[in-house]
Amino acid sequence: MSFKHRPKVIAVCWLVCLLVCLSLIGTGITISFDIWKIRVLEPWGRILIGIILTILGFSLGYLSTLKFFWTIVTWLAKYERIRNGKTGKGPKVVVIGGGTGLGTILRGLKEITPHLTAIVTVADDGGSSGRLRREFGILPPGDIRNCLVAMADMEPLMEKLFQYRFTGSSNLAGHNFGNLFITAMTEITGDFEVAIKESSKVLAVRGQVLPATTENVILKAELADGRIVTGESEIPKAKMPIKKVFLEPRHCKPVTEAVTALEEADIIILGPGSLYTSIIPNLLVTDIAETVRNSKAVKVYVCNAMTQAGETDNYSAGEHLKAIMEHAGPGLVDIALVNNESISEEILKRYTEEDAQPVRVDLDVISNMGITPLAVQIITKTNYIRHDASKVARLILGLYRTQGVSHTFGKLITKQLLRFLKSCVGFFIAKLS
């Protein structure tokens, strides 16, 4: 049997299983109320068997319903991805963030839609980006470069070239070729935005990469002890809990295309990435957070799988979201994707040496914020903990297609199942007494 027919067969199997479960429920209720007038069993035995059959039917029925529903959603998402690749259609997706985390999921998202926009932070002041920023007076190109490469259709050799970092003792040491390319393009065109667009053409980028602002912003942080730290690269070095971060100047104008992309978006994604130095700085740019809040798009937060030393030490998923709300207000996230996959001790040991640990999953806390938590296995099983780009993209496309229906449906069934079980227990106790 060919692969394309399997989802249909699986869906039919789960549907048949659901029908069997309905039969179990019917049989259980019939035996409990002695509709068949079974005289072989004692009343208490009849009631007990009936309740067991009914509970078994509801439990398996719950699983069958969710599996049937999720099989259909997954199949539709796969069909949508294939169809989008052929027709150029697809949802308008905007991703907000920076760093390597953003580039990771962009690789998966570019396969499901050509209408992809990355809004990237421009507060970086360390490494190659920081040096070019100080020497040439341009915006830091590093995070922009990562997104361009992630969204590009290019040969592997070209990707290696743009990610190549010079070594040795010359002035080029530590610089990245892609950063130098964007810097040169900025010098030629005289405009950073134009340089990004021209670089996108060279790399055949699917979608667009936009800076959140073109103003020369500086990220600052107020620490728990009251100190003010200046510079994105200096914040994690302080090794002190962060009270809040802010931009200088406070009111910086957003890039018009970025605001337009958010207004027209079907899906808006925050993260993954450094909470205080990649995600929140974008939301502090004037009008960005407000535009996200007013959007009718499906708004998803992809939570980091690991904490980050100097930024989110000991943070839970709920504390990540709390920090976002404290800086930019509520209404920015509808659904939170959190990883619940176990991580091997060998890999954890490596991260422990860097003062990083798995982000705690606190679903109740997230739910109390009015946000729907979705705990799933979304990391790759390699030597490093990374989000699975393809899996995250499929999940988000499925959420978009169902508008959160599957999760709401599951919660509804769970609520009704618990209510029924409570009634069964009460009925059983009443009969025994």
Protein backbone atom coordinates (compact mmCIF):
# COMPACT_ATOMS: atom_id res chain seq x y z
CA MET A 1 0.00 0.00 0.00
CA SER A 2 1.38 3.40 -0.95
CA PHE A 3 2.13 5.94 1.77
CA LYS A 4 -0.44 8.44 0.54
CA HIS A 5 -3.30 6.01 1.36
CA ARG A 6 -2.12 5.10 4.87
CA PRO A 7 -3.58 8.12 6.69
CA LYS A 8 -7.02 7.24 5.32
CA VAL A 9 -6.70 3.61 6.49
CA ILE A 10 -5.46 4.73 9.91
CA ALA A 11 -8.39 7.15 10.20
CA VAL A 12 -10.85 4.37 9.29
CA CYS A 13 -9.26 2.05 11.89
CA TRP A 14 -9.65 4.66 14.61
CA LEU A 15 -13.23 5.28 13.49
CA VAL A 16 -14.02 1.56 13.75
CA CYS A 17 -12.38 1.53 17.18
CA LEU A 18 -14.61 4.44 18.19
CA LEU A 19 -17.71 2.49 17.10
CA VAL A 20 -16.56 -0.49 19.18
CA CYS A 21 -16.13 1.84 22.16
CA LEU A 22 -19.65 3.16 21.70
CA SER A 23 -20.86 -0.45 21.79
CA LEU A 24 -18.96 -1.00 25.04
CA ILE A 25 -20.54 2.10 26.55
CA GLY A 26 -24.00 0.97 25.46
CA THR A 27 -23.43 -2.52 26.86
CA GLY A 28 -22.12 -1.13 30.13
CA ILE A 29 -25.11 1.16 30.62
CA THR A 30 -27.51 -1.64 29.68
CA ILE A 31 -25.98 -4.06 32.20
CA SER A 32 -25.83 -1.41 34.96
CA PHE A 33 -29.54 -0.60 34.68
CA ASP A 34 -30.47 -4.27 34.16
CA ILE A 35 -32.27 -3.53 30.90
CA TRP A 36 -31.53 -7.08 29.67
CA LYS A 37 -32.84 -8.59 32.95
CA ILE A 38 -29.70 -10.65 33.61
CA ARG A 39 -30.50 -12.81 36.65
CA VAL A 40 -27.20 -14.73 36.75
CA LEU A 41 -25.30 -11.88 38.39
CA GLU A 42 -25.82 -10.28 41.77
CA PRO A 43 -26.92 -6.60 41.60
CA TRP A 44 -23.58 -5.32 42.87
CA GLY A 45 -21.69 -7.51 40.35
CA ARG A 46 -23.91 -6.36 37.50
CA ILE A 47 -23.38 -2.71 38.41
CA LEU A 48 -19.62 -3.17 38.79
CA ILE A 49 -19.26 -4.90 35.39
CA GLY A 50 -21.44 -2.26 33.78
CA ILE A 51 -19.39 0.59 35.21
CA ILE A 52 -16.10 -1.06 34.16
CA LEU A 53 -17.35 -1.56 30.59
CA THR A 54 -18.66 1.99 30.45
CA ILE A 55 -15.43 3.52 31.80
CA LEU A 56 -13.39 1.35 29.41
CA GLY A 57 -15.57 2.43 26.52
CA PHE A 58 -15.29 6.12 27.38
CA SER A 59 -11.53 5.93 27.94
CA LEU A 60 -10.80 4.14 24.68
CA GLY A 61 -13.39 6.28 22.92
CA TYR A 62 -11.63 9.40 24.12
CA LEU A 63 -8.31 8.13 22.76
CA SER A 64 -9.89 6.95 19.49
CA THR A 65 -11.61 10.27 18.92
CA LEU A 66 -8.42 12.27 19.46
CA LYS A 67 -6.36 9.89 17.32
CA PHE A 68 -8.93 9.98 14.52
CA PHE A 69 -9.10 13.76 14.66
CA TRP A 70 -5.30 14.21 14.80
CA THR A 71 -4.77 11.76 11.90
CA ILE A 72 -7.08 13.87 9.75
CA VAL A 73 -5.33 17.09 10.81
CA THR A 74 -1.87 15.62 10.12
CA TRP A 75 -2.95 14.35 6.72
CA LEU A 76 -4.43 17.73 5.82
CA ALA A 77 -1.26 19.48 6.98
CA LYS A 78 0.88 17.19 4.80
CA TYR A 79 -1.45 17.72 1.84
CA GLU A 80 -1.34 21.46 2.44
CA ARG A 81 2.45 21.42 2.50
CA ILE A 82 2.62 19.51 -0.82
CA ARG A 83 -0.03 21.70 -2.40
CA ASN A 84 1.65 24.90 -1.25
CA GLY A 85 4.92 23.77 -2.78
CA LYS A 86 3.21 23.31 -6.15
CA THR A 87 0.93 26.33 -6.23
CA GLY A 88 2.85 28.95 -4.25
CA LYS A 89 -0.08 29.23 -1.85
CA GLY A 90 0.03 28.99 1.91
CA PRO A 91 -0.67 30.91 5.11
CA LYS A 92 1.09 34.19 5.80
CA VAL A 93 3.50 33.41 8.62
CA VAL A 94 5.48 35.96 10.65
CA VAL A 95 8.19 34.83 13.06
CA ILE A 96 9.59 37.21 15.68
CA GLY A 97 12.93 36.61 17.36
CA GLY A 98 16.63 36.28 16.69
CA GLY A 99 19.64 34.07 17.22
CA THR A 100 20.09 30.46 16.13
CA GLY A 101 16.69 29.37 17.46
CA LEU A 102 14.85 31.51 14.95
CA GLY A 103 16.88 30.19 12.04
CA THR A 104 16.12 26.62 13.09
CA ILE A 105 12.35 26.81 12.73
CA LEU A 106 12.53 29.03 9.63
CA ARG A 107 14.05 26.04 7.81
CA GLY A 108 10.89 24.06 8.49
CA LEU A 109 8.42 26.88 7.88
CA LYS A 110 9.80 27.74 4.44
CA GLU A 111 8.69 24.26 3.30
CA ILE A 112 5.01 24.91 4.11
CA THR A 113 4.57 28.44 2.79
CA PRO A 114 6.30 30.95 0.52
CA HIS A 115 4.66 33.77 2.49
CA LEU A 116 7.18 33.83 5.33
CA THR A 117 8.47 36.88 7.18
CA ALA A 118 11.18 36.95 9.83
CA ILE A 119 11.24 40.03 12.08
CA VAL A 120 14.68 40.13 13.65
CA THR A 121 16.17 41.97 16.61
CA VAL A 122 18.97 44.47 15.90
CA ALA A 123 20.35 44.99 19.41
CA ASP A 124 23.32 42.61 19.09
CA ASP A 125 26.62 44.24 20.08
CA GLY A 126 28.92 41.26 20.52
CA GLY A 127 31.23 39.22 18.31
CA SER A 128 31.57 39.92 14.60
CA SER A 129 28.25 41.81 14.47
CA GLY A 130 29.30 44.12 17.29
CA ARG A 131 32.65 44.89 15.66
CA LEU A 132 31.03 45.71 12.30
CA ARG A 133 28.40 47.79 14.07
CA ARG A 134 31.05 49.91 15.78
CA GLU A 135 33.46 50.17 12.84
CA PHE A 136 30.96 50.84 10.03
CA GLY A 137 28.02 52.34 11.93
CA ILE A 138 25.59 49.76 10.54
CA LEU A 139 23.00 47.60 12.24
CA PRO A 140 24.32 44.21 13.44
CA PRO A 141 24.07 41.74 10.53
CA GLY A 142 24.54 38.43 12.39
CA ASP A 143 20.94 37.48 13.18
CA ILE A 144 19.83 38.80 9.79
CA ARG A 145 22.42 36.57 8.12
CA ASN A 146 21.25 33.48 10.02
CA CYS A 147 17.67 34.06 8.86
CA LEU A 148 18.68 34.70 5.24
CA VAL A 149 20.65 31.45 5.15
CA ALA A 150 17.82 29.50 6.83
CA MET A 151 15.22 30.78 4.35
CA ALA A 152 17.40 30.51 1.24
CA ASP A 153 17.22 28.09 -1.68
CA MET A 154 20.89 27.61 -2.36
CA GLU A 155 23.58 25.02 -2.82
CA PRO A 156 25.22 23.58 0.33
CA LEU A 157 28.55 25.12 -0.70
CA MET A 158 26.95 28.57 -0.81
CA GLU A 159 25.51 28.05 2.66
CA LYS A 160 28.91 27.03 3.99
CA LEU A 161 30.38 30.15 2.41
CA PHE A 162 27.90 32.50 4.10
CA GLN A 163 28.39 30.79 7.46
CA TYR A 164 32.18 30.63 7.15
CA ARG A 165 34.08 32.28 10.00
CA PHE A 166 37.63 33.50 9.46
CA THR A 167 40.33 32.29 11.84
CA GLY A 168 43.93 33.24 12.45
CA SER A 169 45.42 36.46 13.78
CA SER A 170 44.47 38.90 11.00
CA ASN A 171 41.86 41.64 11.27
CA LEU A 172 39.39 39.25 9.63
CA ALA A 173 39.69 36.75 12.48
CA GLY A 174 36.32 36.12 14.10
CA HIS A 175 34.37 37.72 11.27
CA ASN A 176 31.75 35.78 9.37
CA PHE A 177 31.73 35.95 5.55
CA GLY A 178 27.97 36.51 5.48
CA ASN A 179 28.30 39.44 7.89
CA LEU A 180 30.97 40.99 5.68
CA PHE A 181 28.79 40.45 2.60
CA ILE A 182 25.82 42.28 4.17
CA THR A 183 28.14 45.04 5.37
CA ALA A 184 29.57 45.45 1.86
CA MET A 185 26.06 45.46 0.38
CA THR A 186 25.05 48.17 2.87
CA GLU A 187 28.06 50.26 1.85
CA ILE A 188 27.18 49.83 -1.84
CA THR A 189 23.45 50.56 -1.55
CA GLY A 190 23.73 53.08 1.29
CA ASP A 191 20.76 51.52 3.10
CA PHE A 192 20.61 48.52 5.45
CA GLU A 193 17.06 47.53 4.44
CA VAL A 194 17.94 47.66 0.75
CA ALA A 195 21.07 45.63 1.46
CA ILE A 196 18.95 42.89 3.06
CA LYS A 197 16.57 42.83 0.09
CA GLU A 198 19.44 42.62 -2.41
CA SER A 199 21.10 39.90 -0.35
CA SER A 200 17.79 38.03 -0.35
CA LYS A 201 17.79 38.07 -4.15
CA VAL A 202 21.33 36.72 -4.29
CA LEU A 203 20.40 33.86 -1.94
CA ALA A 204 16.96 33.19 -3.49
CA VAL A 205 15.29 33.63 -0.11
CA ARG A 206 11.75 32.29 0.32
CA GLY A 207 9.89 35.16 1.95
CA GLN A 208 11.45 38.21 3.53
CA VAL A 209 13.76 39.08 6.41
CA LEU A 210 13.13 42.40 8.14
CA PRO A 211 14.79 44.21 11.04
CA ALA A 212 12.31 45.24 13.74
CA THR A 213 13.69 48.79 13.50
CA THR A 214 16.45 50.53 11.59
CA GLU A 215 17.31 52.82 14.49
CA ASN A 216 20.60 52.32 16.33
CA VAL A 217 19.10 50.80 19.48
CA ILE A 218 20.96 49.68 22.58
CA LEU A 219 19.54 47.00 24.85
CA LYS A 220 19.80 47.61 28.60
CA ALA A 221 18.75 45.51 31.57
CA GLU A 222 17.79 46.34 35.13
CA LEU A 223 18.93 43.50 37.37
CA ALA A 224 17.40 42.23 40.60
CA ASP A 225 20.00 44.12 42.64
CA GLY A 226 19.14 47.42 40.93
CA ARG A 227 22.17 47.59 38.63
CA ILE A 228 21.75 48.69 35.02
CA VAL A 229 23.71 46.69 32.44
CA THR A 230 24.27 48.15 28.98
CA GLY A 231 24.62 45.98 25.88
CA GLU A 232 23.05 42.71 24.80
CA SER A 233 26.31 40.79 25.12
CA GLU A 234 26.91 42.06 28.67
CA ILE A 235 23.52 41.09 30.11
CA PRO A 236 24.12 37.32 30.48
CA LYS A 237 27.59 37.96 31.92
CA ALA A 238 26.10 39.72 34.96
CA LYS A 239 24.87 36.36 36.33
CA MET A 240 22.03 38.08 38.15
CA PRO A 241 18.25 37.65 37.75
CA ILE A 242 16.83 40.15 35.26
CA LYS A 243 14.08 42.46 36.49
CA LYS A 244 13.39 44.03 33.10
CA VAL A 245 15.03 44.97 29.80
CA PHE A 246 14.49 48.13 27.77
CA LEU A 247 15.73 49.85 24.63
CA GLU A 248 17.55 53.12 24.22
CA PRO A 249 15.98 55.13 22.69
CA ARG A 250 12.75 54.03 24.35
CA HIS A 251 10.54 55.02 21.42
CA CYS A 252 12.06 53.65 18.23
CA LYS A 253 10.18 53.58 14.95
CA PRO A 254 9.38 50.12 13.54
CA VAL A 255 10.06 49.10 9.96
CA THR A 256 6.83 49.72 8.03
CA GLU A 257 6.96 46.38 6.21
CA ALA A 258 7.25 44.59 9.55
CA VAL A 259 4.06 46.17 10.88
CA THR A 260 2.27 45.46 7.59
CA ALA A 261 3.36 41.81 7.68
CA LEU A 262 1.98 41.46 11.23
CA GLU A 263 -1.32 43.06 10.23
CA GLU A 264 -1.75 40.65 7.31
CA ALA A 265 -0.46 37.53 9.09
CA ASP A 266 -2.43 34.30 9.46
CA ILE A 267 0.10 32.93 11.95
CA ILE A 268 2.41 34.87 14.28
CA ILE A 269 5.19 32.95 16.03
CA LEU A 270 7.33 34.14 18.94
CA GLY A 271 10.57 32.25 19.46
CA PRO A 272 12.37 30.07 20.00
CA GLY A 273 15.36 32.13 21.05
CA SER A 274 16.92 34.05 23.92
CA LEU A 275 14.02 35.45 25.91
CA TYR A 276 15.47 38.76 27.09
CA THR A 277 17.94 39.44 24.27
CA SER A 278 16.16 38.13 21.15
CA ILE A 279 12.39 37.94 21.62
CA ILE A 280 11.42 40.69 24.06
CA PRO A 281 13.57 43.43 22.38
CA ASN A 282 11.45 43.08 19.23
CA LEU A 283 8.27 43.54 21.26
CA LEU A 284 9.66 46.72 22.84
CA VAL A 285 9.86 48.44 19.44
CA THR A 286 6.97 50.91 19.12
CA ASP A 287 3.76 49.40 17.65
CA ILE A 288 5.11 45.85 17.32
CA ALA A 289 3.45 44.40 20.44
CA GLU A 290 0.24 46.35 19.89
CA THR A 291 -0.03 45.12 16.31
CA VAL A 292 0.45 41.52 17.46
CA ARG A 293 -2.18 42.01 20.18
CA ASN A 294 -4.75 43.37 17.71
CA SER A 295 -4.08 40.67 15.13
CA LYS A 296 -6.65 37.96 14.42
CA ALA A 297 -3.85 35.54 13.53
CA VAL A 298 -3.13 32.33 15.42
CA LYS A 299 -0.42 33.44 17.88
CA VAL A 300 2.04 30.75 18.95
CA TYR A 301 4.93 30.88 21.39
CA VAL A 302 7.61 28.23 20.83
CA CYS A 303 9.26 27.89 24.22
CA ASN A 304 12.95 27.08 24.54
CA ALA A 305 13.71 23.50 25.52
CA MET A 306 16.61 24.55 27.77
CA THR A 307 17.20 27.48 30.11
CA GLN A 308 19.90 30.01 29.25
CA ALA A 309 22.63 30.88 31.72
CA GLY A 310 22.49 34.50 32.84
CA GLU A 311 19.01 35.04 31.38
CA THR A 312 16.49 32.38 32.32
CA ASP A 313 18.17 30.35 35.06
CA ASN A 314 15.66 27.90 36.62
CA TYR A 315 12.81 29.33 34.53
CA SER A 316 9.71 27.29 33.79
CA ALA A 317 7.72 27.64 30.56
CA GLY A 318 5.17 29.72 32.46
CA GLU A 319 7.87 32.09 33.70
CA HIS A 320 9.00 32.65 30.10
CA LEU A 321 5.47 33.70 29.20
CA LYS A 322 5.14 35.80 32.35
CA ALA A 323 8.26 37.78 31.35
CA ILE A 324 6.79 38.45 27.91
CA MET A 325 3.52 39.67 29.42
CA GLU A 326 5.29 41.88 31.98
CA HIS A 327 7.26 43.61 29.22
CA ALA A 328 4.70 43.79 26.42
CA GLY A 329 1.31 43.08 27.99
CA PRO A 330 -1.22 40.26 27.52
CA GLY A 331 -2.85 39.06 24.32
CA LEU A 332 0.36 38.20 22.45
CA VAL A 333 0.10 34.41 22.71
CA ASP A 334 -2.82 32.04 22.13
CA ILE A 335 -0.95 28.74 22.19
CA ALA A 336 2.35 27.79 23.84
CA LEU A 337 4.37 24.90 22.40
CA VAL A 338 6.52 23.33 25.11
CA ASN A 339 8.78 20.31 24.87
CA ASN A 340 7.97 17.28 27.01
CA GLU A 341 10.47 14.86 25.48
CA SER A 342 12.99 13.35 27.85
CA ILE A 343 16.66 14.18 27.30
CA SER A 344 19.47 11.68 27.79
CA GLU A 345 21.75 12.03 30.81
CA GLU A 346 24.79 12.29 28.54
CA ILE A 347 23.43 15.35 26.74
CA LEU A 348 22.13 16.88 29.96
CA LYS A 349 25.57 16.59 31.51
CA ARG A 350 27.03 18.62 28.66
CA TYR A 351 24.45 21.37 29.16
CA THR A 352 24.79 21.30 32.94
CA GLU A 353 28.42 22.30 32.50
CA GLU A 354 27.08 25.43 30.77
CA ASP A 355 24.60 26.07 33.63
CA ALA A 356 21.64 25.14 31.44
CA GLN A 357 18.84 22.74 32.30
CA PRO A 358 15.52 21.61 30.77
CA VAL A 359 12.75 24.19 30.98
CA ARG A 360 10.16 22.99 33.49
CA VAL A 361 6.72 22.34 32.02
CA ASP A 362 3.98 23.93 34.16
CA LEU A 363 0.82 23.49 32.10
CA ASP A 364 -1.55 24.66 34.85
CA VAL A 365 0.29 27.97 35.23
CA ILE A 366 0.15 28.54 31.47
CA SER A 367 -3.56 27.68 31.35
CA ASN A 368 -4.27 30.14 34.17
CA MET A 369 -2.76 32.87 31.97
CA GLY A 370 -5.49 32.26 29.40
CA ILE A 371 -3.00 30.55 27.08
CA THR A 372 -3.50 27.06 25.67
CA PRO A 373 -0.45 24.89 26.48
CA LEU A 374 0.55 22.14 24.07
CA ALA A 375 3.19 19.79 25.47
CA VAL A 376 4.74 17.79 22.64
CA GLN A 377 7.99 16.14 21.61
CA ILE A 378 9.56 18.83 19.43
CA ILE A 379 13.32 18.41 19.78
CA THR A 380 15.79 16.47 17.64
CA LYS A 381 17.66 13.52 19.12
CA THR A 382 21.23 14.54 18.34
CA ASN A 383 24.26 15.59 20.34
CA TYR A 384 22.71 19.03 20.75
CA ILE A 385 19.23 20.02 21.83
CA ARG A 386 17.52 21.72 18.92
CA HIS A 387 13.91 22.12 17.88
CA ASP A 388 12.84 19.77 15.11
CA ALA A 389 12.14 22.30 12.35
CA SER A 390 9.90 20.02 10.31
CA LYS A 391 7.88 18.82 13.31
CA VAL A 392 7.33 22.34 14.65
CA ALA A 393 6.24 23.53 11.20
CA ARG A 394 3.73 20.68 10.85
CA LEU A 395 2.33 21.31 14.31
CA ILE A 396 1.88 25.01 13.69
CA LEU A 397 0.25 24.40 10.31
CA GLY A 398 -2.12 21.94 11.96
CA LEU A 399 -2.97 24.48 14.66
CA TYR A 400 -3.64 27.08 11.98
CA ARG A 401 -5.90 24.79 9.96
CA THR A 402 -7.97 23.79 12.98
CA GLN A 403 -7.79 27.20 14.71
CA GLY A 404 -7.12 25.38 17.96
CA VAL A 405 -10.19 23.14 17.54
CA SER A 406 -8.38 19.88 18.28
CA HIS A 407 -7.09 21.04 21.65
CA THR A 408 -10.42 22.60 22.64
CA PHE A 409 -12.18 19.42 21.51
CA GLY A 410 -9.87 17.31 23.67
CA LYS A 411 -10.48 19.51 26.72
CA LEU A 412 -14.24 19.25 26.16
CA ILE A 413 -14.15 15.45 25.95
CA THR A 414 -11.95 15.25 29.06
CA LYS A 415 -14.35 17.47 30.99
CA GLN A 416 -17.37 15.39 29.96
CA LEU A 417 -15.55 12.12 30.70
CA LEU A 418 -14.64 13.25 34.22
CA ARG A 419 -18.22 14.38 34.80
CA PHE A 420 -19.53 11.00 33.67
CA LEU A 421 -17.05 9.06 35.82
CA LYS A 422 -18.10 11.12 38.83
CA SER A 423 -21.74 10.25 38.13
CA CYS A 424 -20.88 6.54 37.77
CA VAL A 425 -19.06 6.47 41.10
CA GLY A 426 -21.97 8.24 42.78
CA PHE A 427 -24.45 5.82 41.24
CA PHE A 428 -22.37 2.81 42.34
CA ILE A 429 -22.09 4.09 45.93
CA ALA A 430 -25.83 4.77 46.05
CA LYS A 431 -26.64 1.25 44.86
CA LEU A 432 -24.31 -0.36 47.40
CA SER A 433 -25.77 1.67 50.24
